[in-house]
Amino acid sequence: MRLILILLFLLIFFIISIPLFIIEFIIGKFNRRAQVASSQKIVVAAFHIVLFIAGVKKTVIGKENIPTNEPILYIANHRSYFDIPLSYVCLPTLTGFMAKKEIKKIPFLRTWMVLLQCLFLDRDDIRQGMKTILQAIEQIKAGYSIFISPEGTRSQGKEMLPFKEGSFKVAEKTGCAIVPVAISNTDEIYENHSPWVRPAKVVIEFGKPIYPKQLDKDQRRHLGSYVQSIIKEMLDKNASLVQS
């Protein structure tokens, strides 16, 4: 029943999106940043409704760790399709997600993602992948945060997949802060009993910002594994919070 309600809401939202796209296009003609802010508010509101219908009870930890006066590279683990709605409703900065290129084929969703400064990564083409990383660097320089899941895909077991070091070039080249994000139990909403959506307790924790230039040489050399170890510590700490 929850899945049907979510799909019905998304259908209505996409229908409503048609006039909203026109409004956002007009806003963008005068002020691109205002367009991004407006689009993000709309999408966040929609995600709140999706999470409510799904019966998600979220605990947010460490939001005060996020610098709000500078662009951020958010680095998160990835377990569920619900990671993005959960994360997005918690972010205080204008943020675009890095998503796989296949999502670009989905009508309406693609348009919202473009409005939100999201980027589309070709995981099978190294050259195109580097171009996307360069785009992310430019977006950080323009003042927009970027949210990346460096595992590259959803992890299926209890352990995270190795983090791809290329994702961290964004922070290395710009000097922006990296905020580690630990997301717990979102796979219990859908993936663990697909195709059904069920209520679940989830936790999202934002770690303290990491500035690559302030790390020692060895930590900078293995930045991906260093950040991943911090996320793992948060996941282990929060495991008890999602138990029924």
Foldseek 3Di string as FASTA:
>chain_A
DLVVVLVVLVVVVLVVVVVVLVVLVVVCVPPLVVSLVVLLVVVLVSLVVNCVSLQEAEDEAALVQDDAPAAEEEEEAAADPNPVNVVSNSDNFQEAEEEAQVCCPDPSVVSSNVSSVHHHAHPVDVVRNVVRLVSLLVVRVVGYYYYYHQLRDHDDDPDTHQGDCSNCVSCVVNQHWYKYKAKPDPCVQDVVDPPHGHYFYIYIYIHHTDGLVPDDPVCNVPVRVNSVVVNVVVHVVCVVVGDD
